[in-house]
Amino acid sequence: SVLDSMLFKPFPLCDRNIQSILRDEIVSPLRKTGFVRASSVMHL
């Protein structure tokens, strides 16, 4: 979790769209089910 701030913290230059893709389409499924679809990474 050492870089979880990347997923939740609103940094000064933060692009919230990319942050939400990273959090909701990649990291959450990876930790919940252990699998991330290629389409999610392609979206990023």
ModelCIF file with pLDDT and N, C-alpha, C, O atoms, coordinates in Angstrom:
data_MODEL
#
_entry.id   MODEL 
#
_entity.id                         1 
_entity.type                       polymer 
_entity.pdbx_number_of_molecules   1 
#
_entity_poly.entity_id                      1 
_entity_poly.type                           'polypeptide(L)' 
_entity_poly.nstd_linkage                   no 
_entity_poly.nstd_monomer                   no 
_entity_poly.pdbx_seq_one_letter_code       SVLDSMLFKPFPLCDRNIQSILRDEIVSPLRKTGFVRASSVMHL 
_entity_poly.pdbx_seq_one_letter_code_can   SVLDSMLFKPFPLCDRNIQSILRDEIVSPLRKTGFVRASSVMHL 
_entity_poly.pdbx_strand_id                 A 
#
loop_
_entity_poly_seq.entity_id 
_entity_poly_seq.num 
_entity_poly_seq.mon_id 
_entity_poly_seq.hetero 
1 1  SER n 
1 2  VAL n 
1 3  LEU n 
1 4  ASP n 
1 5  SER n 
1 6  MET n 
1 7  LEU n 
1 8  PHE n 
1 9  LYS n 
1 10 PRO n 
1 11 PHE n 
1 12 PRO n 
1 13 LEU n 
1 14 CYS n 
1 15 ASP n 
1 16 ARG n 
1 17 ASN n 
1 18 ILE n 
1 19 GLN n 
1 20 SER n 
1 21 ILE n 
1 22 LEU n 
1 23 ARG n 
1 24 ASP n 
1 25 GLU n 
1 26 ILE n 
1 27 VAL n 
1 28 SER n 
1 29 PRO n 
1 30 LEU n 
1 31 ARG n 
1 32 LYS n 
1 33 THR n 
1 34 GLY n 
1 35 PHE n 
1 36 VAL n 
1 37 ARG n 
1 38 ALA n 
1 39 SER n 
1 40 SER n 
1 41 VAL n 
1 42 MET n 
1 43 HIS n 
1 44 LEU n 
#
_struct_asym.id          A 
_struct_asym.entity_id   1 
#
loop_
_ma_qa_metric.id 
_ma_qa_metric.mode 
_ma_qa_metric.name 
_ma_qa_metric.software_group_id 
_ma_qa_metric.type 
1 global pLDDT . pLDDT 
2 local  pLDDT . pLDDT 
#
_ma_qa_metric_global.metric_id      1 
_ma_qa_metric_global.metric_value   90.86 
_ma_qa_metric_global.model_id       1 
_ma_qa_metric_global.ordinal_id     1 
#
loop_
_ma_qa_metric_local.label_asym_id 
_ma_qa_metric_local.label_comp_id 
_ma_qa_metric_local.label_seq_id 
_ma_qa_metric_local.metric_id 
_ma_qa_metric_local.metric_value 
_ma_qa_metric_local.model_id 
_ma_qa_metric_local.ordinal_id 
A SER 1  2 93.00 1 1  
A VAL 2  2 92.00 1 2  
A LEU 3  2 93.00 1 3  
A ASP 4  2 92.00 1 4  
A SER 5  2 89.00 1 5  
A MET 6  2 89.00 1 6  
A LEU 7  2 90.00 1 7  
A PHE 8  2 87.00 1 8  
A LYS 9  2 83.00 1 9  
A PRO 10 2 81.00 1 10 
A PHE 11 2 75.00 1 11 
A PRO 12 2 73.00 1 12 
A LEU 13 2 73.00 1 13 
A CYS 14 2 77.00 1 14 
A ASP 15 2 82.00 1 15 
A ARG 16 2 86.00 1 16 
A ASN 17 2 89.00 1 17 
A ILE 18 2 90.00 1 18 
A GLN 19 2 90.00 1 19 
A SER 20 2 91.00 1 20 
A ILE 21 2 93.00 1 21 
A LEU 22 2 94.00 1 22 
A ARG 23 2 93.00 1 23 
A ASP 24 2 94.00 1 24 
A GLU 25 2 95.00 1 25 
A ILE 26 2 96.00 1 26 
A VAL 27 2 96.00 1 27 
A SER 28 2 95.00 1 28 
A PRO 29 2 95.00 1 29 
A LEU 30 2 96.00 1 30 
A ARG 31 2 95.00 1 31 
A LYS 32 2 94.00 1 32 
A THR 33 2 94.00 1 33 
A GLY 34 2 96.00 1 34 
A PHE 35 2 96.00 1 35 
A VAL 36 2 97.00 1 36 
A ARG 37 2 96.00 1 37 
A ALA 38 2 96.00 1 38 
A SER 39 2 96.00 1 39 
A SER 40 2 96.00 1 40 
A VAL 41 2 96.00 1 41 
A MET 42 2 95.00 1 42 
A HIS 43 2 95.00 1 43 
A LEU 44 2 94.00 1 44 
#
loop_
_atom_site.group_PDB 
_atom_site.id 
_atom_site.type_symbol 
_atom_site.label_atom_id 
_atom_site.label_alt_id 
_atom_site.label_comp_id 
_atom_site.label_asym_id 
_atom_site.label_entity_id 
_atom_site.label_seq_id 
_atom_site.pdbx_PDB_ins_code 
_atom_site.Cartn_x 
_atom_site.Cartn_y 
_atom_site.Cartn_z 
_atom_site.occupancy 
_atom_site.B_iso_or_equiv 
_atom_site.pdbx_formal_charge 
_atom_site.auth_seq_id 
_atom_site.auth_comp_id 
_atom_site.auth_asym_id 
_atom_site.auth_atom_id 
_atom_site.pdbx_PDB_model_num 
ATOM 1   N N  . SER A 1 1  ? 0.820   -1.221  0.000   1.00 93.00 ? 1  SER A N  1 
ATOM 2   C CA . SER A 1 1  ? 0.000   0.000   0.000   1.00 93.00 ? 1  SER A CA 1 
ATOM 3   C C  . SER A 1 1  ? 0.847   1.261   0.000   1.00 93.00 ? 1  SER A C  1 
ATOM 4   O O  . SER A 1 1  ? 0.321   2.363   0.152   1.00 93.00 ? 1  SER A O  1 
ATOM 5   N N  . VAL A 1 2  ? 2.180   1.106   -0.173  1.00 92.00 ? 2  VAL A N  1 
ATOM 6   C CA . VAL A 1 2  ? 3.068   2.254   0.017   1.00 92.00 ? 2  VAL A CA 1 
ATOM 7   C C  . VAL A 1 2  ? 2.797   3.384   -0.985  1.00 92.00 ? 2  VAL A C  1 
ATOM 8   O O  . VAL A 1 2  ? 3.099   4.545   -0.708  1.00 92.00 ? 2  VAL A O  1 
ATOM 9   N N  . LEU A 1 3  ? 2.227   3.043   -2.149  1.00 93.00 ? 3  LEU A N  1 
ATOM 10  C CA . LEU A 1 3  ? 1.913   4.069   -3.143  1.00 93.00 ? 3  LEU A CA 1 
ATOM 11  C C  . LEU A 1 3  ? 0.412   4.263   -3.338  1.00 93.00 ? 3  LEU A C  1 
ATOM 12  O O  . LEU A 1 3  ? -0.018  4.765   -4.376  1.00 93.00 ? 3  LEU A O  1 
ATOM 13  N N  . ASP A 1 4  ? -0.385  3.869   -2.348  1.00 92.00 ? 4  ASP A N  1 
ATOM 14  C CA . ASP A 1 4  ? -1.833  4.028   -2.479  1.00 92.00 ? 4  ASP A CA 1 
ATOM 15  C C  . ASP A 1 4  ? -2.272  5.491   -2.523  1.00 92.00 ? 4  ASP A C  1 
ATOM 16  O O  . ASP A 1 4  ? -3.396  5.792   -2.924  1.00 92.00 ? 4  ASP A O  1 
ATOM 17  N N  . SER A 1 5  ? -1.390  6.395   -2.114  1.00 89.00 ? 5  SER A N  1 
ATOM 18  C CA . SER A 1 5  ? -1.723  7.820   -2.252  1.00 89.00 ? 5  SER A CA 1 
ATOM 19  C C  . SER A 1 5  ? -1.952  8.185   -3.710  1.00 89.00 ? 5  SER A C  1 
ATOM 20  O O  . SER A 1 5  ? -2.707  9.111   -4.007  1.00 89.00 ? 5  SER A O  1 
ATOM 21  N N  . MET A 1 6  ? -1.298  7.455   -4.637  1.00 89.00 ? 6  MET A N  1 
ATOM 22  C CA . MET A 1 6  ? -1.509  7.688   -6.068  1.00 89.00 ? 6  MET A CA 1 
ATOM 23  C C  . MET A 1 6  ? -2.958  7.451   -6.467  1.00 89.00 ? 6  MET A C  1 
ATOM 24  O O  . MET A 1 6  ? -3.438  8.020   -7.447  1.00 89.00 ? 6  MET A O  1 
ATOM 25  N N  . LEU A 1 7  ? -3.652  6.612   -5.708  1.00 90.00 ? 7  LEU A N  1 
ATOM 26  C CA . LEU A 1 7  ? -5.017  6.224   -6.063  1.00 90.00 ? 7  LEU A CA 1 
ATOM 27  C C  . LEU A 1 7  ? -6.072  7.147   -5.469  1.00 90.00 ? 7  LEU A C  1 
ATOM 28  O O  . LEU A 1 7  ? -7.158  7.283   -6.031  1.00 90.00 ? 7  LEU A O  1 
ATOM 29  N N  . PHE A 1 8  ? -5.768  7.779   -4.345  1.00 87.00 ? 8  PHE A N  1 
ATOM 30  C CA . PHE A 1 8  ? -6.805  8.501   -3.611  1.00 87.00 ? 8  PHE A CA 1 
ATOM 31  C C  . PHE A 1 8  ? -6.522  9.990   -3.398  1.00 87.00 ? 8  PHE A C  1 
ATOM 32  O O  . PHE A 1 8  ? -7.452  10.793  -3.332  1.00 87.00 ? 8  PHE A O  1 
ATOM 33  N N  . LYS A 1 9  ? -5.263  10.353  -3.292  1.00 83.00 ? 9  LYS A N  1 
ATOM 34  C CA . LYS A 1 9  ? -4.924  11.722  -2.899  1.00 83.00 ? 9  LYS A CA 1 
ATOM 35  C C  . LYS A 1 9  ? -5.014  12.682  -4.084  1.00 83.00 ? 9  LYS A C  1 
ATOM 36  O O  . LYS A 1 9  ? -4.457  12.389  -5.142  1.00 83.00 ? 9  LYS A O  1 
ATOM 37  N N  . PRO A 1 10 ? -5.700  13.821  -3.938  1.00 81.00 ? 10 PRO A N  1 
ATOM 38  C CA . PRO A 1 10 ? -5.755  14.820  -5.023  1.00 81.00 ? 10 PRO A CA 1 
ATOM 39  C C  . PRO A 1 10 ? -4.487  15.681  -5.059  1.00 81.00 ? 10 PRO A C  1 
ATOM 40  O O  . PRO A 1 10 ? -4.433  16.737  -4.429  1.00 81.00 ? 10 PRO A O  1 
ATOM 41  N N  . PHE A 1 11 ? -3.480  15.231  -5.789  1.00 75.00 ? 11 PHE A N  1 
ATOM 42  C CA . PHE A 1 11 ? -2.235  15.987  -5.911  1.00 75.00 ? 11 PHE A CA 1 
ATOM 43  C C  . PHE A 1 11 ? -2.465  17.265  -6.719  1.00 75.00 ? 11 PHE A C  1 
ATOM 44  O O  . PHE A 1 11 ? -3.470  17.373  -7.422  1.00 75.00 ? 11 PHE A O  1 
ATOM 45  N N  . PRO A 1 12 ? -1.545  18.239  -6.629  1.00 73.00 ? 12 PRO A N  1 
ATOM 46  C CA . PRO A 1 12 ? -1.737  19.534  -7.319  1.00 73.00 ? 12 PRO A CA 1 
ATOM 47  C C  . PRO A 1 12 ? -1.989  19.403  -8.820  1.00 73.00 ? 12 PRO A C  1 
ATOM 48  O O  . PRO A 1 12 ? -2.826  20.119  -9.368  1.00 73.00 ? 12 PRO A O  1 
ATOM 49  N N  . LEU A 1 13 ? -1.271  18.495  -9.491  1.00 73.00 ? 13 LEU A N  1 
ATOM 50  C CA . LEU A 1 13 ? -1.418  18.354  -10.940 1.00 73.00 ? 13 LEU A CA 1 
ATOM 51  C C  . LEU A 1 13 ? -2.295  17.158  -11.313 1.00 73.00 ? 13 LEU A C  1 
ATOM 52  O O  . LEU A 1 13 ? -2.348  16.754  -12.474 1.00 73.00 ? 13 LEU A O  1 
ATOM 53  N N  . CYS A 1 14 ? -2.978  16.601  -10.318 1.00 77.00 ? 14 CYS A N  1 
ATOM 54  C CA . CYS A 1 14 ? -3.612  15.300  -10.487 1.00 77.00 ? 14 CYS A CA 1 
ATOM 55  C C  . CYS A 1 14 ? -4.704  15.280  -11.554 1.00 77.00 ? 14 CYS A C  1 
ATOM 56  O O  . CYS A 1 14 ? -5.622  16.100  -11.534 1.00 77.00 ? 14 CYS A O  1 
ATOM 57  N N  . ASP A 1 15 ? -4.594  14.342  -12.476 1.00 82.00 ? 15 ASP A N  1 
ATOM 58  C CA . ASP A 1 15 ? -5.645  14.083  -13.461 1.00 82.00 ? 15 ASP A CA 1 
ATOM 59  C C  . ASP A 1 15 ? -6.585  13.040  -12.845 1.00 82.00 ? 15 ASP A C  1 
ATOM 60  O O  . ASP A 1 15 ? -6.237  11.862  -12.757 1.00 82.00 ? 15 ASP A O  1 
ATOM 61  N N  . ARG A 1 16 ? -7.788  13.483  -12.416 1.00 86.00 ? 16 ARG A N  1 
ATOM 62  C CA . ARG A 1 16 ? -8.680  12.598  -11.675 1.00 86.00 ? 16 ARG A CA 1 
ATOM 63  C C  . ARG A 1 16 ? -9.210  11.455  -12.528 1.00 86.00 ? 16 ARG A C  1 
ATOM 64  O O  . ARG A 1 16 ? -9.532  10.390  -12.002 1.00 86.00 ? 16 ARG A O  1 
ATOM 65  N N  . ASN A 1 17 ? -9.304  11.662  -13.837 1.00 89.00 ? 17 ASN A N  1 
ATOM 66  C CA . ASN A 1 17 ? -9.786  10.600  -14.716 1.00 89.00 ? 17 ASN A CA 1 
ATOM 67  C C  . ASN A 1 17 ? -8.803  9.436   -14.747 1.00 89.00 ? 17 ASN A C  1 
ATOM 68  O O  . ASN A 1 17 ? -9.196  8.280   -14.590 1.00 89.00 ? 17 ASN A O  1 
ATOM 69  N N  . ILE A 1 18 ? -7.520  9.747   -14.950 1.00 90.00 ? 18 ILE A N  1 
ATOM 70  C CA . ILE A 1 18 ? -6.498  8.695   -14.965 1.00 90.00 ? 18 ILE A CA 1 
ATOM 71  C C  . ILE A 1 18 ? -6.377  8.052   -13.589 1.00 90.00 ? 18 ILE A C  1 
ATOM 72  O O  . ILE A 1 18 ? -6.177  6.843   -13.475 1.00 90.00 ? 18 ILE A O  1 
ATOM 73  N N  . GLN A 1 19 ? -6.501  8.866   -12.550 1.00 90.00 ? 19 GLN A N  1 
ATOM 74  C CA . GLN A 1 19 ? -6.443  8.325   -11.193 1.00 90.00 ? 19 GLN A CA 1 
ATOM 75  C C  . GLN A 1 19 ? -7.576  7.319   -10.946 1.00 90.00 ? 19 GLN A C  1 
ATOM 76  O O  . GLN A 1 19 ? -7.351  6.277   -10.331 1.00 90.00 ? 19 GLN A O  1 
ATOM 77  N N  . SER A 1 20 ? -8.783  7.622   -11.417 1.00 91.00 ? 20 SER A N  1 
ATOM 78  C CA . SER A 1 20 ? -9.919  6.723   -11.203 1.00 91.00 ? 20 SER A CA 1 
ATOM 79  C C  . SER A 1 20 ? -9.783  5.444   -12.034 1.00 91.00 ? 20 SER A C  1 
ATOM 80  O O  . SER A 1 20 ? -10.167 4.368   -11.574 1.00 91.00 ? 20 SER A O  1 
ATOM 81  N N  . ILE A 1 21 ? -9.238  5.550   -13.260 1.00 93.00 ? 21 ILE A N  1 
ATOM 82  C CA . ILE A 1 21 ? -9.002  4.352   -14.076 1.00 93.00 ? 21 ILE A CA 1 
ATOM 83  C C  . ILE A 1 21 ? -8.009  3.435   -13.364 1.00 93.00 ? 21 ILE A C  1 
ATOM 84  O O  . ILE A 1 21 ? -8.217  2.226   -13.269 1.00 93.00 ? 21 ILE A O  1 
ATOM 85  N N  . LEU A 1 22 ? -6.936  4.027   -12.872 1.00 94.00 ? 22 LEU A N  1 
ATOM 86  C CA . LEU A 1 22 ? -5.904  3.264   -12.172 1.00 94.00 ? 22 LEU A CA 1 
ATOM 87  C C  . LEU A 1 22 ? -6.488  2.576   -10.939 1.00 94.00 ? 22 LEU A C  1 
ATOM 88  O O  . LEU A 1 22 ? -6.206  1.405   -10.682 1.00 94.00 ? 22 LEU A O  1 
ATOM 89  N N  . ARG A 1 23 ? -7.298  3.308   -10.184 1.00 93.00 ? 23 ARG A N  1 
ATOM 90  C CA . ARG A 1 23 ? -7.858  2.773   -8.928  1.00 93.00 ? 23 ARG A CA 1 
ATOM 91  C C  . ARG A 1 23 ? -8.975  1.752   -9.181  1.00 93.00 ? 23 ARG A C  1 
ATOM 92  O O  . ARG A 1 23 ? -8.945  0.646   -8.642  1.00 93.00 ? 23 ARG A O  1 
ATOM 93  N N  . ASP A 1 24 ? -9.965  2.137   -10.012 1.00 94.00 ? 24 ASP A N  1 
ATOM 94  C CA . ASP A 1 24 ? -11.203 1.349   -10.126 1.00 94.00 ? 24 ASP A CA 1 
ATOM 95  C C  . ASP A 1 24 ? -11.129 0.236   -11.167 1.00 94.00 ? 24 ASP A C  1 
ATOM 96  O O  . ASP A 1 24 ? -11.791 -0.792  -11.020 1.00 94.00 ? 24 ASP A O  1 
ATOM 97  N N  . GLU A 1 25 ? -10.328 0.432   -12.220 1.00 95.00 ? 25 GLU A N  1 
ATOM 98  C CA . GLU A 1 25 ? -10.303 -0.566  -13.294 1.00 95.00 ? 25 GLU A CA 1 
ATOM 99  C C  . GLU A 1 25 ? -9.094  -1.505  -13.214 1.00 95.00 ? 25 GLU A C  1 
ATOM 100 O O  . GLU A 1 25 ? -9.087  -2.568  -13.835 1.00 95.00 ? 25 GLU A O  1 
ATOM 101 N N  . ILE A 1 26 ? -8.069  -1.104  -12.444 1.00 96.00 ? 26 ILE A N  1 
ATOM 102 C CA . ILE A 1 26 ? -6.858  -1.927  -12.397 1.00 96.00 ? 26 ILE A CA 1 
ATOM 103 C C  . ILE A 1 26 ? -6.564  -2.426  -10.978 1.00 96.00 ? 26 ILE A C  1 
ATOM 104 O O  . ILE A 1 26 ? -6.535  -3.635  -10.748 1.00 96.00 ? 26 ILE A O  1 
ATOM 105 N N  . VAL A 1 27 ? -6.347  -1.518  -10.030 1.00 96.00 ? 27 VAL A N  1 
ATOM 106 C CA . VAL A 1 27 ? -5.896  -1.933  -8.703  1.00 96.00 ? 27 VAL A CA 1 
ATOM 107 C C  . VAL A 1 27 ? -6.990  -2.666  -7.929  1.00 96.00 ? 27 VAL A C  1 
ATOM 108 O O  . VAL A 1 27 ? -6.722  -3.710  -7.335  1.00 96.00 ? 27 VAL A O  1 
ATOM 109 N N  . SER A 1 28 ? -8.210  -2.144  -7.925  1.00 95.00 ? 28 SER A N  1 
ATOM 110 C CA . SER A 1 28 ? -9.287  -2.808  -7.174  1.00 95.00 ? 28 SER A CA 1 
ATOM 111 C C  . SER A 1 28 ? -9.577  -4.218  -7.684  1.00 95.00 ? 28 SER A C  1 
ATOM 112 O O  . SER A 1 28 ? -9.648  -5.140  -6.871  1.00 95.00 ? 28 SER A O  1 
ATOM 113 N N  . PRO A 1 29 ? -9.749  -4.434  -9.010  1.00 95.00 ? 29 PRO A N  1 
ATOM 114 C CA . PRO A 1 29 ? -9.955  -5.808  -9.477  1.00 95.00 ? 29 PRO A CA 1 
ATOM 115 C C  . PRO A 1 29 ? -8.766  -6.730  -9.188  1.00 95.00 ? 29 PRO A C  1 
ATOM 116 O O  . PRO A 1 29 ? -8.946  -7.908  -8.881  1.00 95.00 ? 29 PRO A O  1 
ATOM 117 N N  . LEU A 1 30 ? -7.552  -6.182  -9.289  1.00 96.00 ? 30 LEU A N  1 
ATOM 118 C CA . LEU A 1 30 ? -6.355  -6.996  -9.027  1.00 96.00 ? 30 LEU A CA 1 
ATOM 119 C C  . LEU A 1 30 ? -6.363  -7.506  -7.596  1.00 96.00 ? 30 LEU A C  1 
ATOM 120 O O  . LEU A 1 30 ? -6.065  -8.673  -7.346  1.00 96.00 ? 30 LEU A O  1 
ATOM 121 N N  . ARG A 1 31 ? -6.703  -6.627  -6.655  1.00 95.00 ? 31 ARG A N  1 
ATOM 122 C CA . ARG A 1 31 ? -6.700  -7.016  -5.244  1.00 95.00 ? 31 ARG A CA 1 
ATOM 123 C C  . ARG A 1 31 ? -7.937  -7.838  -4.874  1.00 95.00 ? 31 ARG A C  1 
ATOM 124 O O  . ARG A 1 31 ? -7.882  -8.657  -3.957  1.00 95.00 ? 31 ARG A O  1 
ATOM 125 N N  . LYS A 1 32 ? -9.031  -7.627  -5.568  1.00 94.00 ? 32 LYS A N  1 
ATOM 126 C CA . LYS A 1 32 ? -10.278 -8.334  -5.236  1.00 94.00 ? 32 LYS A CA 1 
ATOM 127 C C  . LYS A 1 32 ? -10.311 -9.727  -5.847  1.00 94.00 ? 32 LYS A C  1 
ATOM 128 O O  . LYS A 1 32 ? -10.614 -10.698 -5.153  1.00 94.00 ? 32 LYS A O  1 
ATOM 129 N N  . THR A 1 33 ? -10.003 -9.840  -7.137  1.00 94.00 ? 33 THR A N  1 
ATOM 130 C CA . THR A 1 33 ? -10.150 -11.119 -7.835  1.00 94.00 ? 33 THR A CA 1 
ATOM 131 C C  . THR A 1 33 ? -8.826  -11.691 -8.329  1.00 94.00 ? 33 THR A C  1 
ATOM 132 O O  . THR A 1 33 ? -8.767  -12.852 -8.732  1.00 94.00 ? 33 THR A O  1 
ATOM 133 N N  . GLY A 1 34 ? -7.753  -10.882 -8.302  1.00 96.00 ? 34 GLY A N  1 
ATOM 134 C CA . GLY A 1 34 ? -6.461  -11.352 -8.792  1.00 96.00 ? 34 GLY A CA 1 
ATOM 135 C C  . GLY A 1 34 ? -6.321  -11.297 -10.298 1.00 96.00 ? 34 GLY A C  1 
ATOM 136 O O  . GLY A 1 34 ? -5.370  -11.847 -10.853 1.00 96.00 ? 34 GLY A O  1 
ATOM 137 N N  . PHE A 1 35 ? -7.267  -10.634 -10.976 1.00 96.00 ? 35 PHE A N  1 
ATOM 138 C CA . PHE A 1 35 ? -7.211  -10.591 -12.441 1.00 96.00 ? 35 PHE A CA 1 
ATOM 139 C C  . PHE A 1 35 ? -7.628  -9.216  -12.958 1.00 96.00 ? 35 PHE A C  1 
ATOM 140 O O  . PHE A 1 35 ? -8.598  -8.628  -12.479 1.00 96.00 ? 35 PHE A O  1 
ATOM 141 N N  . VAL A 1 36 ? -6.875  -8.709  -13.953 1.00 97.00 ? 36 VAL A N  1 
ATOM 142 C CA . VAL A 1 36 ? -7.191  -7.446  -14.619 1.00 97.00 ? 36 VAL A CA 1 
ATOM 143 C C  . VAL A 1 36 ? -7.240  -7.697  -16.119 1.00 97.00 ? 36 VAL A C  1 
ATOM 144 O O  . VAL A 1 36 ? -6.306  -8.261  -16.690 1.00 97.00 ? 36 VAL A O  1 
ATOM 145 N N  . ARG A 1 37 ? -8.320  -7.281  -16.750 1.00 96.00 ? 37 ARG A N  1 
ATOM 146 C CA . ARG A 1 37 ? -8.480  -7.472  -18.188 1.00 96.00 ? 37 ARG A CA 1 
ATOM 147 C C  . ARG A 1 37 ? -7.551  -6.548  -18.963 1.00 96.00 ? 37 ARG A C  1 
ATOM 148 O O  . ARG A 1 37 ? -7.225  -5.450  -18.511 1.00 96.00 ? 37 ARG A O  1 
ATOM 149 N N  . ALA A 1 38 ? -7.131  -7.007  -20.136 1.00 96.00 ? 38 ALA A N  1 
ATOM 150 C CA . ALA A 1 38 ? -6.260  -6.200  -20.995 1.00 96.00 ? 38 ALA A CA 1 
ATOM 151 C C  . ALA A 1 38 ? -6.948  -4.903  -21.413 1.00 96.00 ? 38 ALA A C  1 
ATOM 152 O O  . ALA A 1 38 ? -6.283  -3.887  -21.614 1.00 96.00 ? 38 ALA A O  1 
ATOM 153 N N  . SER A 1 39 ? -8.284  -4.929  -21.546 1.00 96.00 ? 39 SER A N  1 
ATOM 154 C CA . SER A 1 39 ? -9.018  -3.725  -21.963 1.00 96.00 ? 39 SER A CA 1 
ATOM 155 C C  . SER A 1 39 ? -8.897  -2.605  -20.933 1.00 96.00 ? 39 SER A C  1 
ATOM 156 O O  . SER A 1 39 ? -8.919  -1.427  -21.290 1.00 96.00 ? 39 SER A O  1 
ATOM 157 N N  . SER A 1 40 ? -8.771  -2.966  -19.661 1.00 96.00 ? 40 SER A N  1 
ATOM 158 C CA . SER A 1 40 ? -8.618  -1.951  -18.611 1.00 96.00 ? 40 SER A CA 1 
ATOM 159 C C  . SER A 1 40 ? -7.261  -1.260  -18.721 1.00 96.00 ? 40 SER A C  1 
ATOM 160 O O  . SER A 1 40 ? -7.159  -0.041  -18.586 1.00 96.00 ? 40 SER A O  1 
ATOM 161 N N  . VAL A 1 41 ? -6.215  -2.065  -18.969 1.00 96.00 ? 41 VAL A N  1 
ATOM 162 C CA . VAL A 1 41 ? -4.884  -1.482  -19.140 1.00 96.00 ? 41 VAL A CA 1 
ATOM 163 C C  . VAL A 1 41 ? -4.839  -0.649  -20.421 1.00 96.00 ? 41 VAL A C  1 
ATOM 164 O O  . VAL A 1 41 ? -4.196  0.400   -20.454 1.00 96.00 ? 41 VAL A O  1 
ATOM 165 N N  . MET A 1 42 ? -5.514  -1.108  -21.470 1.00 95.00 ? 42 MET A N  1 
ATOM 166 C CA . MET A 1 42 ? -5.553  -0.345  -22.720 1.00 95.00 ? 42 MET A CA 1 
ATOM 167 C C  . MET A 1 42 ? -6.261  0.997   -22.515 1.00 95.00 ? 42 MET A C  1 
ATOM 168 O O  . MET A 1 42 ? -5.873  1.999   -23.115 1.00 95.00 ? 42 MET A O  1 
ATOM 169 N N  . HIS A 1 43 ? -7.288  1.018   -21.677 1.00 95.00 ? 43 HIS A N  1 
ATOM 170 C CA . HIS A 1 43 ? -7.974  2.278   -21.364 1.00 95.00 ? 43 HIS A CA 1 
ATOM 171 C C  . HIS A 1 43 ? -6.997  3.271   -20.730 1.00 95.00 ? 43 HIS A C  1 
ATOM 172 O O  . HIS A 1 43 ? -6.989  4.455   -21.068 1.00 95.00 ? 43 HIS A O  1 
ATOM 173 N N  . LEU A 1 44 ? -6.173  2.767   -19.806 1.00 94.00 ? 44 LEU A N  1 
ATOM 174 C CA . LEU A 1 44 ? -5.148  3.613   -19.186 1.00 94.00 ? 44 LEU A CA 1 
ATOM 175 C C  . LEU A 1 44 ? -4.125  4.062   -20.221 1.00 94.00 ? 44 LEU A C  1 
ATOM 176 O O  . LEU A 1 44 ? -3.184  4.783   -19.887 1.00 94.00 ? 44 LEU A O  1 
#
